[in-house]
Every structure is written in C-alpha cells, then in structure tokens.
Amino acid sequence: MKLSAIKNQLKGLTQVNFILPDGRQVPAHFHVTEVGQVDKKYIDCGGTLREESKVTFQLWEAGDVDHRLAASKLLNIIGLAERLLSIPDLEVEVEYQVDTIGRYGLDFKGTDFLLTATQTDCLAKDNCGIPMEKLKIRLSSIAQGPVCTPNSGCC
C-alpha cells in the first residue's frame, strides 16, 4: 500500500487500528515511533545490482494503556515526515515487535489497516540453478473440441 493510499484512508477515520496476519489486533495503546524512508542497495545471488526504497512505520506498545493514536495525529506525523525528509509516495512497510521485529506489508479493509505477511524470495532463480516450477495440468482439462482418434488424419 502506498503512502498516499494510507493518507486517504486516514482522512475517513477517527482512530487507527492495525490487525496482525493471525487476526489479533495490535493493542490500542500503540505508538508510531518512527515514520521514515529506508533505501536498500544490494546485489542478488545472480550478481544483479538492485535498489529499493520504502516508507517505514514503526509501531511500539508501552505500558500507558490510556494512550490512543488519533488518525489526525498520524496524518500530522506523516505530513511532517514528508516535509522534513522529502519522502515520496512509496510503498509502506510496517515494523512491529512480536517475538522479534517483524516486517509487514500493509492493506486496508473496512476501518482497519491489515499487516500482511512478507516473504523472502530468490530474485535470480535462472542464474543460480533453481529449477522453475512446472505447471501441472491434465490434458483432458484442456481438450475442448473433438479429440483425435487413431486413423482420423488429425495427428
């Protein structure tokens, strides 16, 4: 989800809710401790130079259970980060500590932001010897017309 989409969703909300991939809600007293831009420059296992940039939100919860982040407050924090850090409209990644710091994608449904699972992947499968997974289909499922029979002249 891009930063502009998050800002648009926040405009229609009074409170901010984040839901973990397993359906649990991030406790209502969470803080957004960081809004920033992370730039990553790297070489994949096939030797290709790659670059990516993301906006990051870091969520943190403390013992102050009376705290509640209003949507307007988060919009103000985002606006300040955009102005001071010149953050462009990038995809947003959320950091949140469960057992260790997890990195999540972001989606929106109804009135909740959904933290979505992220996965690692090999970006150079063709260069490092990983065979491509072959699509398995039944030939009978694609036969639409008359099927060739022996001595019919169609084969």
C-alpha atoms as a PDB file:
ATOM      1  CA  MET A   1       0.000   0.000   0.000  1.00  0.00           C
ATOM      2  CA  LYS A   2       1.425   3.373  -0.960  1.00  0.00           C
ATOM      3  CA  LEU A   3       1.711   6.289   1.429  1.00  0.00           C
ATOM      4  CA  SER A   4      -0.915   8.306  -0.498  1.00  0.00           C
ATOM      5  CA  ALA A   5      -3.468   5.477  -0.077  1.00  0.00           C
ATOM      6  CA  ILE A   6      -2.817   5.359   3.667  1.00  0.00           C
ATOM      7  CA  LYS A   7      -3.323   9.103   3.952  1.00  0.00           C
ATOM      8  CA  ASN A   8      -6.595   8.849   2.017  1.00  0.00           C
ATOM      9  CA  GLN A   9      -7.861   6.096   4.330  1.00  0.00           C
ATOM     10  CA  LEU A  10      -6.822   8.022   7.455  1.00  0.00           C
ATOM     11  CA  LYS A  11      -8.900  11.042   6.354  1.00  0.00           C
ATOM     12  CA  GLY A  12     -12.056   8.983   6.863  1.00  0.00           C
ATOM     13  CA  LEU A  13     -11.116   7.597  10.287  1.00  0.00           C
ATOM     14  CA  THR A  14     -11.064   8.881  13.851  1.00  0.00           C
ATOM     15  CA  GLN A  15      -8.965   6.073  15.348  1.00  0.00           C
ATOM     16  CA  VAL A  16      -6.268   3.851  13.883  1.00  0.00           C
ATOM     17  CA  ASN A  17      -6.373   0.060  14.152  1.00  0.00           C
ATOM     18  CA  PHE A  18      -3.741  -2.400  12.946  1.00  0.00           C
ATOM     19  CA  ILE A  19      -4.560  -6.098  12.619  1.00  0.00           C
ATOM     20  CA  LEU A  20      -1.826  -8.755  12.559  1.00  0.00           C
ATOM     21  CA  PRO A  21      -1.854 -11.517   9.915  1.00  0.00           C
ATOM     22  CA  ASP A  22      -3.187 -14.008  12.504  1.00  0.00           C
ATOM     23  CA  GLY A  23      -6.218 -11.769  13.189  1.00  0.00           C
ATOM     24  CA  ARG A  24      -5.055 -10.319  16.515  1.00  0.00           C
ATOM     25  CA  GLN A  25      -5.272  -6.560  16.907  1.00  0.00           C
ATOM     26  CA  VAL A  26      -2.193  -4.518  17.777  1.00  0.00           C
ATOM     27  CA  PRO A  27      -3.097  -3.172  21.241  1.00  0.00           C
ATOM     28  CA  ALA A  28      -4.985   0.125  21.027  1.00  0.00           C
ATOM     29  CA  HIS A  29      -2.329   1.939  23.075  1.00  0.00           C
ATOM     30  CA  PHE A  30       0.423   1.510  20.429  1.00  0.00           C
ATOM     31  CA  HIS A  31       2.655   4.406  19.379  1.00  0.00           C
ATOM     32  CA  VAL A  32       4.056   5.160  15.941  1.00  0.00           C
ATOM     33  CA  THR A  33       7.655   5.763  16.996  1.00  0.00           C
ATOM     34  CA  GLU A  34       9.089   6.281  13.514  1.00  0.00           C
ATOM     35  CA  VAL A  35       7.988   7.342  10.060  1.00  0.00           C
ATOM     36  CA  GLY A  36      10.893   7.282   7.655  1.00  0.00           C
ATOM     37  CA  GLN A  37      12.349   6.206   4.361  1.00  0.00           C
ATOM     38  CA  VAL A  38      14.625   3.199   4.031  1.00  0.00           C
ATOM     39  CA  ASP A  39      16.793   2.832   0.939  1.00  0.00           C
ATOM     40  CA  LYS A  40      18.362  -0.529   0.189  1.00  0.00           C
ATOM     41  CA  LYS A  41      21.067  -1.130  -2.408  1.00  0.00           C
ATOM     42  CA  TYR A  42      22.217  -4.713  -2.869  1.00  0.00           C
ATOM     43  CA  ILE A  43      23.391  -7.431  -5.198  1.00  0.00           C
ATOM     44  CA  ASP A  44      21.240 -10.526  -5.577  1.00  0.00           C
ATOM     45  CA  CYS A  45      22.695 -14.060  -5.746  1.00  0.00           C
ATOM     46  CA  GLY A  46      22.882 -13.786  -9.530  1.00  0.00           C
ATOM     47  CA  GLY A  47      25.074 -10.683  -9.376  1.00  0.00           C
ATOM     48  CA  THR A  48      22.410  -8.127 -10.390  1.00  0.00           C
ATOM     49  CA  LEU A  49      22.617  -4.749  -8.681  1.00  0.00           C
ATOM     50  CA  ARG A  50      19.232  -3.804  -7.197  1.00  0.00           C
ATOM     51  CA  GLU A  51      17.811  -0.826  -5.335  1.00  0.00           C
ATOM     52  CA  GLU A  52      14.558  -0.293  -3.480  1.00  0.00           C
ATOM     53  CA  SER A  53      13.077   2.392  -1.279  1.00  0.00           C
ATOM     54  CA  LYS A  54      10.179   2.117   1.134  1.00  0.00           C
ATOM     55  CA  VAL A  55       8.440   4.275   3.694  1.00  0.00           C
ATOM     56  CA  THR A  56       8.539   2.638   7.111  1.00  0.00           C
ATOM     57  CA  PHE A  57       6.270   2.968  10.111  1.00  0.00           C
ATOM     58  CA  GLN A  58       7.490   1.526  13.382  1.00  0.00           C
ATOM     59  CA  LEU A  59       4.767   0.527  15.832  1.00  0.00           C
ATOM     60  CA  TRP A  60       5.571   0.141  19.516  1.00  0.00           C
ATOM     61  CA  GLU A  61       3.456  -0.506  22.567  1.00  0.00           C
ATOM     62  CA  ALA A  62       4.212   0.664  26.061  1.00  0.00           C
ATOM     63  CA  GLY A  63       2.523   0.324  29.422  1.00  0.00           C
ATOM     64  CA  ASP A  64       0.482   3.521  29.030  1.00  0.00           C
ATOM     65  CA  VAL A  65      -2.820   1.858  28.221  1.00  0.00           C
ATOM     66  CA  ASP A  66      -4.583   5.245  28.209  1.00  0.00           C
ATOM     67  CA  HIS A  67      -2.729   6.287  25.043  1.00  0.00           C
ATOM     68  CA  ARG A  68      -4.723   6.233  21.790  1.00  0.00           C
ATOM     69  CA  LEU A  69      -3.391   7.495  18.446  1.00  0.00           C
ATOM     70  CA  ALA A  70      -5.959   9.521  16.528  1.00  0.00           C
ATOM     71  CA  ALA A  71      -5.998   9.284  12.742  1.00  0.00           C
ATOM     72  CA  SER A  72      -5.486  13.059  12.519  1.00  0.00           C
ATOM     73  CA  LYS A  73      -2.352  12.788  14.680  1.00  0.00           C
ATOM     74  CA  LEU A  74      -0.888  10.088  12.425  1.00  0.00           C
ATOM     75  CA  LEU A  75      -1.685  12.246   9.388  1.00  0.00           C
ATOM     76  CA  ASN A  76       0.238  15.095  11.037  1.00  0.00           C
ATOM     77  CA  ILE A  77       3.224  12.823  11.736  1.00  0.00           C
ATOM     78  CA  ILE A  78       3.217  11.621   8.117  1.00  0.00           C
ATOM     79  CA  GLY A  79       2.980  15.206   6.838  1.00  0.00           C
ATOM     80  CA  LEU A  80       5.910  16.277   8.988  1.00  0.00           C
ATOM     81  CA  ALA A  81       7.999  13.336   7.734  1.00  0.00           C
ATOM     82  CA  GLU A  82       7.124  14.172   4.122  1.00  0.00           C
ATOM     83  CA  ARG A  83       8.195  17.804   4.581  1.00  0.00           C
ATOM     84  CA  LEU A  84      11.353  17.280   6.635  1.00  0.00           C
ATOM     85  CA  LEU A  85      12.603  14.115   4.933  1.00  0.00           C
ATOM     86  CA  SER A  86      11.241  14.769   1.409  1.00  0.00           C
ATOM     87  CA  ILE A  87       9.574  11.352   1.456  1.00  0.00           C
ATOM     88  CA  PRO A  88       7.998  10.449  -1.907  1.00  0.00           C
ATOM     89  CA  ASP A  89       4.858   8.354  -2.408  1.00  0.00           C
ATOM     90  CA  LEU A  90       6.350   4.888  -1.858  1.00  0.00           C
ATOM     91  CA  GLU A  91       5.105   1.522  -0.649  1.00  0.00           C
ATOM     92  CA  VAL A  92       4.840   1.365   3.143  1.00  0.00           C
ATOM     93  CA  GLU A  93       6.348  -1.340   5.280  1.00  0.00           C
ATOM     94  CA  VAL A  94       5.437  -1.650   8.967  1.00  0.00           C
ATOM     95  CA  GLU A  95       7.818  -2.803  11.680  1.00  0.00           C
ATOM     96  CA  TYR A  96       6.240  -4.297  14.782  1.00  0.00           C
ATOM     97  CA  GLN A  97       7.735  -6.375  17.570  1.00  0.00           C
ATOM     98  CA  VAL A  98       6.110  -9.687  18.360  1.00  0.00           C
ATOM     99  CA  ASP A  99       8.811 -12.284  19.156  1.00  0.00           C
ATOM    100  CA  THR A 100      11.344 -10.235  17.195  1.00  0.00           C
ATOM    101  CA  ILE A 101      10.913  -7.217  14.952  1.00  0.00           C
ATOM    102  CA  GLY A 102       8.627  -8.287  12.137  1.00  0.00           C
ATOM    103  CA  ARG A 103       8.341  -6.520   8.818  1.00  0.00           C
ATOM    104  CA  TYR A 104       4.884  -6.404   7.283  1.00  0.00           C
ATOM    105  CA  GLY A 105       3.192  -5.148   4.172  1.00  0.00           C
ATOM    106  CA  LEU A 106       0.025  -3.125   4.582  1.00  0.00           C
ATOM    107  CA  ASP A 107      -3.532  -3.368   3.297  1.00  0.00           C
ATOM    108  CA  PHE A 108      -6.826  -1.802   4.363  1.00  0.00           C
ATOM    109  CA  LYS A 109     -10.259  -3.330   4.965  1.00  0.00           C
ATOM    110  CA  GLY A 110     -13.285  -1.539   6.380  1.00  0.00           C
ATOM    111  CA  THR A 111     -11.837   0.571   9.186  1.00  0.00           C
ATOM    112  CA  ASP A 112      -8.663  -1.431   9.848  1.00  0.00           C
ATOM    113  CA  PHE A 113      -5.148  -1.481   8.480  1.00  0.00           C
ATOM    114  CA  LEU A 114      -4.082  -5.073   7.919  1.00  0.00           C
ATOM    115  CA  LEU A 115      -0.470  -6.058   8.478  1.00  0.00           C
ATOM    116  CA  THR A 116       0.300  -8.554   5.719  1.00  0.00           C
ATOM    117  CA  ALA A 117       2.979 -11.242   5.826  1.00  0.00           C
ATOM    118  CA  THR A 118       6.105 -10.653   3.775  1.00  0.00           C
ATOM    119  CA  GLN A 119       8.275 -13.384   2.280  1.00  0.00           C
ATOM    120  CA  THR A 120      11.854 -13.784   1.154  1.00  0.00           C
ATOM    121  CA  ASP A 121      12.497 -14.968  -2.384  1.00  0.00           C
ATOM    122  CA  CYS A 122      15.384 -15.701  -4.714  1.00  0.00           C
ATOM    123  CA  LEU A 123      15.488 -12.894  -7.274  1.00  0.00           C
ATOM    124  CA  ALA A 124      17.823 -14.721  -9.651  1.00  0.00           C
ATOM    125  CA  LYS A 125      16.409 -18.242  -9.910  1.00  0.00           C
ATOM    126  CA  ASP A 126      17.540 -18.524 -13.529  1.00  0.00           C
ATOM    127  CA  ASN A 127      21.147 -17.600 -12.587  1.00  0.00           C
ATOM    128  CA  CYS A 128      21.655 -19.738  -9.504  1.00  0.00           C
ATOM    129  CA  GLY A 129      20.346 -23.082 -10.714  1.00  0.00           C
ATOM    130  CA  ILE A 130      16.935 -23.225  -9.063  1.00  0.00           C
ATOM    131  CA  PRO A 131      14.603 -25.038 -11.453  1.00  0.00           C
ATOM    132  CA  MET A 132      11.437 -23.224 -12.382  1.00  0.00           C
ATOM    133  CA  GLU A 133       8.340 -24.952 -11.054  1.00  0.00           C
ATOM    134  CA  LYS A 134       6.492 -26.615 -13.884  1.00  0.00           C
ATOM    135  CA  LEU A 135       2.772 -26.078 -14.172  1.00  0.00           C
ATOM    136  CA  LYS A 136       0.972 -29.408 -13.897  1.00  0.00           C
ATOM    137  CA  ILE A 137      -2.302 -29.706 -15.773  1.00  0.00           C
ATOM    138  CA  ARG A 138      -4.406 -32.598 -17.005  1.00  0.00           C
ATOM    139  CA  LEU A 139      -4.534 -32.698 -20.769  1.00  0.00           C
ATOM    140  CA  SER A 140      -8.141 -33.828 -20.540  1.00  0.00           C
ATOM    141  CA  SER A 141      -8.996 -30.496 -18.895  1.00  0.00           C
ATOM    142  CA  ILE A 142      -7.878 -28.523 -21.964  1.00  0.00           C
ATOM    143  CA  ALA A 143      -9.471 -30.671 -24.668  1.00  0.00           C
ATOM    144  CA  GLN A 144     -12.367 -28.532 -25.870  1.00  0.00           C
ATOM    145  CA  GLY A 145     -13.280 -29.919 -29.280  1.00  0.00           C
ATOM    146  CA  PRO A 146     -13.179 -33.288 -30.972  1.00  0.00           C
ATOM    147  CA  VAL A 147     -10.298 -35.431 -29.810  1.00  0.00           C
ATOM    148  CA  CYS A 148      -8.079 -37.090 -32.394  1.00  0.00           C
ATOM    149  CA  THR A 149      -8.539 -40.809 -32.792  1.00  0.00           C
ATOM    150  CA  PRO A 150      -6.252 -43.276 -34.498  1.00  0.00           C
ATOM    151  CA  ASN A 151      -6.504 -43.190 -38.311  1.00  0.00           C
ATOM    152  CA  SER A 152      -8.555 -39.941 -38.245  1.00  0.00           C
ATOM    153  CA  GLY A 153      -5.835 -37.996 -40.043  1.00  0.00           C
ATOM    154  CA  CYS A 154      -5.669 -35.228 -37.416  1.00  0.00           C
ATOM    155  CA  CYS A 155      -2.412 -36.350 -35.785  1.00  0.00           C
END
